[in-house]
């Protein structure tokens, strides 16, 4: 597609905010199948309906974007992230967007290759794994396609992408471990439930805890297993520890859904949890229902991971389309943690996703 400078009408529209777009009827194109437990249906690339809304650009051209994401059913965070992207990248806002989903890196790379063949103007990527992207991103660059990372970082040459709008997963882990340390337990016996191995979220959240355990004799990992973001698998992991009779007093789950599954195992065994109870519960993402668990003091701490990145991505695209220069190549989302002893009902409403 020809790259054209956007007309004044589009620029004006973006100043006053994006139109929230509803879902339109869509044709589906073959894309990699999502094979993790959280994603069993074939991934699809969504095409806009034939009936088009009035294009905001005077030229009438839509900006063609291919968006590769993890499966929306992976977690509440991912559902909110996908909804945010679809609300921004739609015809009413000047975009022709196609979506592909998978929790597996090789399938995402296949989707990227297809989008390159389709001649998209921009490739937006939330990678399932941090490695393996250099070759396909070089192909995109050679084809004149601009790449923007969102949500997660990758281990690739920064010259291969225009911008990175991401969460600081290392900070998330460090902030959470710092809070846990502040609880001043005589001994930390931790059930560590990890996300999908190799993802930026897993690396950042695991890395901080691993470092603290290595530094302190009174910090112990009872078990460290991946539940791949899945609540039921997390419940099974905790149940196996309970059945073995191994003592523990902390559950460090790398997302809210896995923390929820862990708590289900505790409830089944009549083990108390939360503020002033037998087991400290830690989650990540700040789903509204999880923050409510903090407010009710059934959980102890939840670390925010902000899923609302689409407006930042849109700003980058509009800057590039108008011939401008990106001021910051890496934009880190503002995030914080919530303690059950200080969280308010207003926090639940404002920050819950």
Protein backbone atom coordinates (compact mmCIF):
# COMPACT_ATOMS: atom_id res chain seq x y z
CA UNK A 1 0.00 0.00 0.00
CA UNK A 2 1.25 3.44 -0.80
CA UNK A 3 2.39 5.39 2.25
CA UNK A 4 0.62 8.79 2.23
CA UNK A 5 0.77 11.72 4.57
CA UNK A 6 -2.51 11.91 6.44
CA UNK A 7 -4.77 14.83 5.61
CA UNK A 8 -5.67 17.59 8.06
CA UNK A 9 -8.98 15.97 8.89
CA UNK A 10 -7.32 12.83 10.30
CA UNK A 11 -4.84 14.89 12.29
CA UNK A 12 -7.67 16.93 13.78
CA UNK A 13 -9.65 13.83 14.66
CA UNK A 14 -6.70 12.31 16.51
CA UNK A 15 -6.28 15.43 18.64
CA UNK A 16 -9.74 15.06 20.12
CA UNK A 17 -9.48 11.33 20.67
CA UNK A 18 -10.19 8.10 18.89
CA UNK A 19 -13.61 6.78 18.08
CA UNK A 20 -14.36 3.56 19.92
CA UNK A 21 -15.18 1.01 17.27
CA UNK A 22 -17.53 -1.90 17.60
CA UNK A 23 -16.91 -5.30 16.06
CA UNK A 24 -17.85 -5.67 12.42
CA UNK A 25 -18.68 -8.78 10.46
CA UNK A 26 -15.41 -10.27 9.34
CA UNK A 27 -14.09 -12.78 6.89
CA UNK A 28 -11.54 -15.16 8.36
CA UNK A 29 -8.22 -16.12 6.83
CA UNK A 30 -6.14 -19.10 7.82
CA UNK A 31 -3.65 -18.36 10.62
CA UNK A 32 -1.64 -20.51 13.05
CA UNK A 33 -3.68 -22.61 15.44
CA UNK A 34 -3.42 -21.75 19.14
CA UNK A 35 -2.61 -25.04 20.82
CA UNK A 36 -2.15 -24.12 24.50
CA UNK A 37 -4.94 -24.96 26.94
CA UNK A 38 -6.04 -21.35 26.99
CA UNK A 39 -6.36 -21.25 23.21
CA UNK A 40 -7.68 -24.29 21.42
CA UNK A 41 -9.46 -22.73 18.48
CA UNK A 42 -7.76 -21.98 15.19
CA UNK A 43 -6.30 -18.49 15.18
CA UNK A 44 -7.81 -16.19 12.61
CA UNK A 45 -6.82 -13.07 10.75
CA UNK A 46 -9.82 -10.77 10.76
CA UNK A 47 -10.66 -8.77 7.66
CA UNK A 48 -12.90 -5.67 7.74
CA UNK A 49 -16.43 -5.91 6.42
CA UNK A 50 -17.05 -4.89 2.83
CA UNK A 51 -19.30 -2.03 3.93
CA UNK A 52 -16.84 0.69 4.96
CA UNK A 53 -17.27 3.69 7.21
CA UNK A 54 -16.25 7.11 5.90
CA UNK A 55 -12.48 7.27 6.04
CA UNK A 56 -11.12 10.11 8.15
CA UNK A 57 -8.31 10.81 5.68
CA UNK A 58 -9.18 13.01 2.72
CA UNK A 59 -7.52 10.51 0.42
CA UNK A 60 -9.77 7.76 1.71
CA UNK A 61 -6.83 5.39 2.18
CA UNK A 62 -6.81 3.15 5.24
CA UNK A 63 -3.59 2.28 7.03
CA UNK A 64 -3.16 -1.48 6.82
CA UNK A 65 -1.97 -3.12 10.05
CA UNK A 66 -1.34 -6.74 10.99
CA UNK A 67 -1.62 -7.35 14.73
CA UNK A 68 -0.08 -10.45 16.31
CA UNK A 69 -1.09 -11.10 19.89
CA UNK A 70 -1.38 -13.85 22.46
CA UNK A 71 -4.78 -15.50 22.68
CA UNK A 72 -7.46 -13.25 24.25
CA UNK A 73 -8.62 -16.18 26.41
CA UNK A 74 -5.17 -16.43 28.02
CA UNK A 75 -6.17 -14.13 30.89
CA UNK A 76 -8.27 -11.16 31.91
CA UNK A 77 -5.28 -8.96 31.08
CA UNK A 78 -5.11 -10.30 27.53
CA UNK A 79 -8.87 -9.91 27.01
CA UNK A 80 -8.62 -6.24 28.02
CA UNK A 81 -5.55 -5.75 25.81
CA UNK A 82 -7.25 -7.25 22.75
CA UNK A 83 -10.42 -5.20 23.32
CA UNK A 84 -8.34 -2.02 23.60
CA UNK A 85 -6.56 -2.75 20.32
CA UNK A 86 -9.78 -3.49 18.45
CA UNK A 87 -11.38 -0.28 19.73
CA UNK A 88 -8.55 1.76 18.21
CA UNK A 89 -7.49 -0.07 15.06
CA UNK A 90 -10.71 -0.01 13.06
CA UNK A 91 -12.09 1.64 9.94
CA UNK A 92 -13.66 4.55 11.82
CA UNK A 93 -10.17 5.53 12.95
CA UNK A 94 -8.57 5.06 9.54
CA UNK A 95 -7.26 1.51 9.85
CA UNK A 96 -7.66 -1.75 7.99
CA UNK A 97 -6.66 -4.19 10.75
CA UNK A 98 -6.16 -7.95 10.71
CA UNK A 99 -5.54 -9.97 13.87
CA UNK A 100 -3.74 -13.26 14.49
CA UNK A 101 -3.45 -15.02 17.85
CA UNK A 102 -1.21 -17.71 19.28
CA UNK A 103 0.65 -18.61 22.46
CA UNK A 104 3.42 -20.27 20.42
CA UNK A 105 6.31 -18.35 18.91
CA UNK A 106 6.60 -20.42 15.72
CA UNK A 107 2.92 -19.88 14.97
CA UNK A 108 3.25 -16.16 15.56
CA UNK A 109 6.24 -16.04 13.20
CA UNK A 110 4.18 -17.81 10.54
CA UNK A 111 1.44 -15.21 11.02
CA UNK A 112 4.03 -12.43 10.66
CA UNK A 113 5.26 -13.94 7.40
CA UNK A 114 1.69 -13.98 6.09
CA UNK A 115 1.12 -10.35 7.02
CA UNK A 116 4.36 -9.46 5.20
CA UNK A 117 3.10 -11.28 2.10
CA UNK A 118 -0.21 -9.41 2.44
CA UNK A 119 1.65 -6.11 2.27
CA UNK A 120 0.61 -4.52 5.55
CA UNK A 121 1.94 -1.05 6.32
CA UNK A 122 2.60 -1.83 9.99
CA UNK A 123 3.21 -5.03 11.91
CA UNK A 124 2.24 -4.83 15.59
CA UNK A 125 3.68 -7.57 17.77
CA UNK A 126 3.22 -8.96 21.28
CA UNK A 127 5.62 -11.89 21.13
CA UNK A 128 4.97 -15.20 22.86
CA UNK A 129 8.73 -15.65 23.34
CA UNK A 130 11.55 -13.12 23.46
CA UNK A 131 13.79 -14.96 20.97
CA UNK A 132 13.69 -15.98 17.32
CA UNK A 133 12.38 -12.77 15.74
CA UNK A 134 15.38 -11.25 13.93
CA UNK A 135 14.90 -12.99 10.60
CA UNK A 136 11.21 -12.29 10.09
CA UNK A 137 11.56 -8.68 11.30
CA UNK A 138 14.39 -8.21 8.79
CA UNK A 139 12.02 -9.52 6.11
CA UNK A 140 9.46 -6.94 7.21
CA UNK A 141 12.05 -4.16 7.12
CA UNK A 142 13.19 -5.20 3.62
CA UNK A 143 9.56 -5.06 2.50
CA UNK A 144 9.16 -1.51 3.82
CA UNK A 145 6.90 -2.61 6.67
CA UNK A 146 7.31 -0.82 9.98
CA UNK A 147 7.26 -2.93 13.13
CA UNK A 148 5.97 -1.77 16.52
CA UNK A 149 6.29 -3.92 19.62
CA UNK A 150 3.62 -3.77 22.30
CA UNK A 151 3.12 -5.38 25.71
CA UNK A 152 6.34 -7.44 25.66
CA UNK A 153 9.97 -6.92 24.74
CA UNK A 154 11.99 -9.21 22.47
CA UNK A 155 15.68 -10.04 22.07
CA UNK A 156 16.21 -8.46 18.66
CA UNK A 157 18.24 -5.68 17.11
CA UNK A 158 16.39 -2.42 17.96
CA UNK A 159 16.96 -1.20 14.40
CA UNK A 160 14.38 -3.79 13.30
CA UNK A 161 11.45 -2.01 14.98
CA UNK A 162 10.25 1.58 15.15
CA UNK A 163 9.07 1.66 18.75
CA UNK A 164 8.39 -0.52 21.76
CA UNK A 165 5.35 0.22 23.96
CA UNK A 166 5.76 -2.25 26.79
CA UNK A 167 5.47 -3.06 30.46
CA UNK A 168 8.67 -3.24 32.49
CA UNK A 169 8.34 -6.86 33.56
CA UNK A 170 11.60 -6.75 35.52
CA UNK A 171 10.25 -3.81 37.51
CA UNK A 172 7.02 -5.69 38.14
CA UNK A 173 8.95 -8.59 39.63
CA UNK A 174 11.30 -6.38 41.62
CA UNK A 175 8.47 -4.26 43.05
CA UNK A 176 6.57 -7.37 44.10
CA UNK A 177 9.59 -9.03 45.71
CA UNK A 178 10.41 -5.78 47.51
CA UNK A 179 6.90 -5.78 48.99
CA UNK A 180 7.23 -9.44 50.00
CA UNK A 181 10.53 -8.73 51.71
CA UNK A 182 8.86 -5.91 53.66
CA UNK A 183 6.55 -8.44 55.32
CA UNK A 184 9.48 -9.54 57.49
CA UNK A 185 8.74 -13.25 57.68
CA UNK A 186 11.19 -15.38 59.64
CA UNK A 187 11.19 -17.83 56.75
CA UNK A 188 9.77 -17.64 53.24
CA UNK A 189 8.58 -21.00 51.90
CA UNK A 190 7.26 -20.14 48.46
CA UNK A 191 5.14 -21.94 45.90
CA UNK A 192 6.19 -20.22 42.68
CA UNK A 193 3.70 -20.61 39.83
CA UNK A 194 5.16 -19.37 36.56
CA UNK A 195 3.62 -18.17 33.31
CA UNK A 196 4.50 -19.37 29.83
CA UNK A 197 8.24 -20.04 29.91
CA UNK A 198 10.36 -17.72 27.79
CA UNK A 199 7.83 -14.89 27.66
CA UNK A 200 8.98 -11.45 28.80
CA UNK A 201 6.39 -11.50 31.58
CA UNK A 202 7.63 -14.82 32.93
CA UNK A 203 11.28 -13.81 32.72
CA UNK A 204 10.79 -10.53 34.52
CA UNK A 205 8.53 -11.85 37.26
CA UNK A 206 10.56 -15.01 37.82
CA UNK A 207 13.93 -13.30 37.65
CA UNK A 208 13.36 -11.02 40.62
CA UNK A 209 12.21 -13.85 42.86
CA UNK A 210 15.01 -16.18 41.76
CA UNK A 211 17.57 -13.51 42.60
CA UNK A 212 16.14 -12.88 46.06
CA UNK A 213 16.03 -16.62 46.87
CA UNK A 214 19.66 -17.00 45.77
CA UNK A 215 20.72 -14.16 48.08
CA UNK A 216 18.89 -15.23 51.25
CA UNK A 217 19.07 -18.48 53.20
CA UNK A 218 15.62 -17.97 54.68
CA UNK A 219 13.96 -17.68 51.25
CA UNK A 220 13.08 -21.15 49.92
CA UNK A 221 11.30 -22.35 46.80
CA UNK A 222 9.00 -25.22 47.75
CA UNK A 223 8.11 -25.82 44.11
CA UNK A 224 8.58 -23.82 40.92
CA UNK A 225 6.41 -24.90 37.99
CA UNK A 226 4.73 -23.32 35.01
CA UNK A 227 0.95 -23.31 34.83
CA UNK A 228 1.09 -21.41 31.49
CA UNK A 229 -1.28 -18.71 32.86
CA UNK A 230 -3.96 -21.34 33.54
CA UNK A 231 -6.00 -21.42 36.78
CA UNK A 232 -6.77 -25.13 36.74
CA UNK A 233 -3.13 -26.09 36.27
CA UNK A 234 -2.15 -23.76 39.11
CA UNK A 235 -4.71 -25.42 41.36
CA UNK A 236 -3.22 -28.83 40.56
CA UNK A 237 0.30 -27.60 41.39
CA UNK A 238 -0.77 -26.31 44.79
CA UNK A 239 -2.85 -29.40 45.49
CA UNK A 240 0.18 -31.61 44.88
CA UNK A 241 2.19 -29.63 47.44
CA UNK A 242 -0.64 -29.90 49.97
CA UNK A 243 -0.92 -33.65 49.36
CA UNK A 244 2.82 -34.03 49.92
CA UNK A 245 2.57 -32.30 53.28
CA UNK A 246 5.30 -29.80 52.47
CA UNK A 247 4.98 -26.59 54.53
CA UNK A 248 4.58 -23.27 52.68
CA UNK A 249 3.47 -19.76 53.57
CA UNK A 250 3.66 -17.80 50.28
CA UNK A 251 2.08 -18.31 46.87
CA UNK A 252 3.75 -16.20 44.19
CA UNK A 253 1.60 -16.60 41.07
CA UNK A 254 2.65 -14.73 37.93
CA UNK A 255 -0.88 -13.75 36.97
CA UNK A 256 -4.23 -13.34 38.70
CA UNK A 257 -5.84 -16.39 37.11
CA UNK A 258 -3.14 -18.69 38.46
CA UNK A 259 -3.43 -17.06 41.89
CA UNK A 260 -7.16 -17.74 41.75
CA UNK A 261 -6.51 -21.41 40.95
CA UNK A 262 -3.99 -21.65 43.79
CA UNK A 263 -6.51 -20.19 46.25
CA UNK A 264 -9.10 -22.74 45.12
CA UNK A 265 -6.73 -25.51 46.27
CA UNK A 266 -6.23 -23.76 49.63
CA UNK A 267 -9.96 -23.36 50.14
CA UNK A 268 -10.54 -27.02 49.36
CA UNK A 269 -7.98 -27.95 52.04
CA UNK A 270 -9.33 -25.37 54.53
CA UNK A 271 -6.02 -23.49 54.59
CA UNK A 272 -6.46 -19.82 55.49
CA UNK A 273 -5.01 -17.12 53.25
CA UNK A 274 -4.80 -13.36 53.05
CA UNK A 275 -4.11 -10.65 55.60
CA UNK A 276 -3.06 -12.12 58.94
CA UNK A 277 -3.68 -15.67 57.73
CA UNK A 278 -1.52 -18.73 57.06
CA UNK A 279 -0.58 -18.09 53.42
CA UNK A 280 0.33 -14.85 51.61
CA UNK A 281 -1.27 -14.61 48.15
CA UNK A 282 0.43 -12.61 45.38
CA UNK A 283 -0.91 -12.08 41.87
CA UNK A 284 -0.15 -9.93 38.82
CA UNK A 285 -2.28 -7.93 36.35
CA UNK A 286 -4.86 -6.22 38.61
CA UNK A 287 -8.08 -7.67 37.28
CA UNK A 288 -10.98 -5.93 39.01
CA UNK A 289 -12.10 -9.15 40.70
CA UNK A 290 -8.54 -9.71 41.95
CA UNK A 291 -8.34 -6.21 43.44
CA UNK A 292 -11.64 -6.94 45.14
CA UNK A 293 -9.99 -9.98 46.73
CA UNK A 294 -7.37 -7.59 48.09
CA UNK A 295 -10.02 -5.21 49.36
CA UNK A 296 -11.70 -8.15 51.12
CA UNK A 297 -8.22 -9.09 52.46
CA UNK A 298 -8.39 -12.61 50.99
CA UNK A 299 -5.24 -11.83 48.96
CA UNK A 300 -2.25 -9.76 50.03
CA UNK A 301 -0.65 -8.07 47.00
CA UNK A 302 -1.34 -7.55 43.29
CA UNK A 303 1.08 -5.97 40.82
CA UNK A 304 -0.39 -3.93 38.02
CA UNK A 305 0.31 -4.72 34.37
CA UNK A 306 -1.27 -2.06 32.16
CA UNK A 307 -2.99 -3.50 29.04
CA UNK A 308 -4.08 -0.18 27.51
CA UNK A 309 -1.35 0.44 24.95
CA UNK A 310 -3.30 1.18 21.77
CA UNK A 311 -3.40 4.97 22.12
CA UNK A 312 0.40 5.06 22.42
CA UNK A 313 0.77 2.82 19.36
CA UNK A 314 -1.64 5.03 17.43
CA UNK A 315 0.39 8.12 18.34
CA UNK A 316 3.53 6.46 17.00
CA UNK A 317 1.83 5.52 13.73
CA UNK A 318 0.34 8.98 13.22
CA UNK A 319 3.74 10.58 13.86
CA UNK A 320 5.40 8.32 11.30
CA UNK A 321 2.61 8.83 8.75
CA UNK A 322 3.01 12.61 9.01
CA UNK A 323 6.76 12.33 8.46
CA UNK A 324 7.68 13.05 12.05
CA UNK A 325 10.33 11.51 14.28
CA UNK A 326 9.56 9.32 17.29
CA UNK A 327 10.78 11.09 20.41
CA UNK A 328 11.13 7.91 22.48
CA UNK A 329 11.81 4.52 20.96
CA UNK A 330 10.82 2.72 24.15
CA UNK A 331 7.69 3.77 26.05
CA UNK A 332 7.24 2.03 29.40
CA UNK A 333 3.73 1.85 30.82
CA UNK A 334 3.16 3.41 34.24
CA UNK A 335 2.39 0.63 36.74
CA UNK A 336 2.25 0.10 40.50
CA UNK A 337 1.44 -2.52 43.11
CA UNK A 338 -1.47 -2.73 45.55
CA UNK A 339 -1.36 -3.88 49.18
CA UNK A 340 -4.48 -5.38 50.77
CA UNK A 341 -3.99 -3.23 53.87
CA UNK A 342 -4.07 0.06 51.96
CA UNK A 343 -6.15 -0.51 48.81
CA UNK A 344 -9.42 1.40 48.55
CA UNK A 345 -12.70 0.80 46.75
CA UNK A 346 -11.76 3.72 44.50
CA UNK A 347 -8.55 1.89 43.54
CA UNK A 348 -10.57 -1.17 42.57
CA UNK A 349 -12.77 0.89 40.26
CA UNK A 350 -9.97 3.02 38.80
CA UNK A 351 -7.27 0.41 38.23
CA UNK A 352 -9.17 -2.88 37.88
CA UNK A 353 -9.30 -4.28 34.34
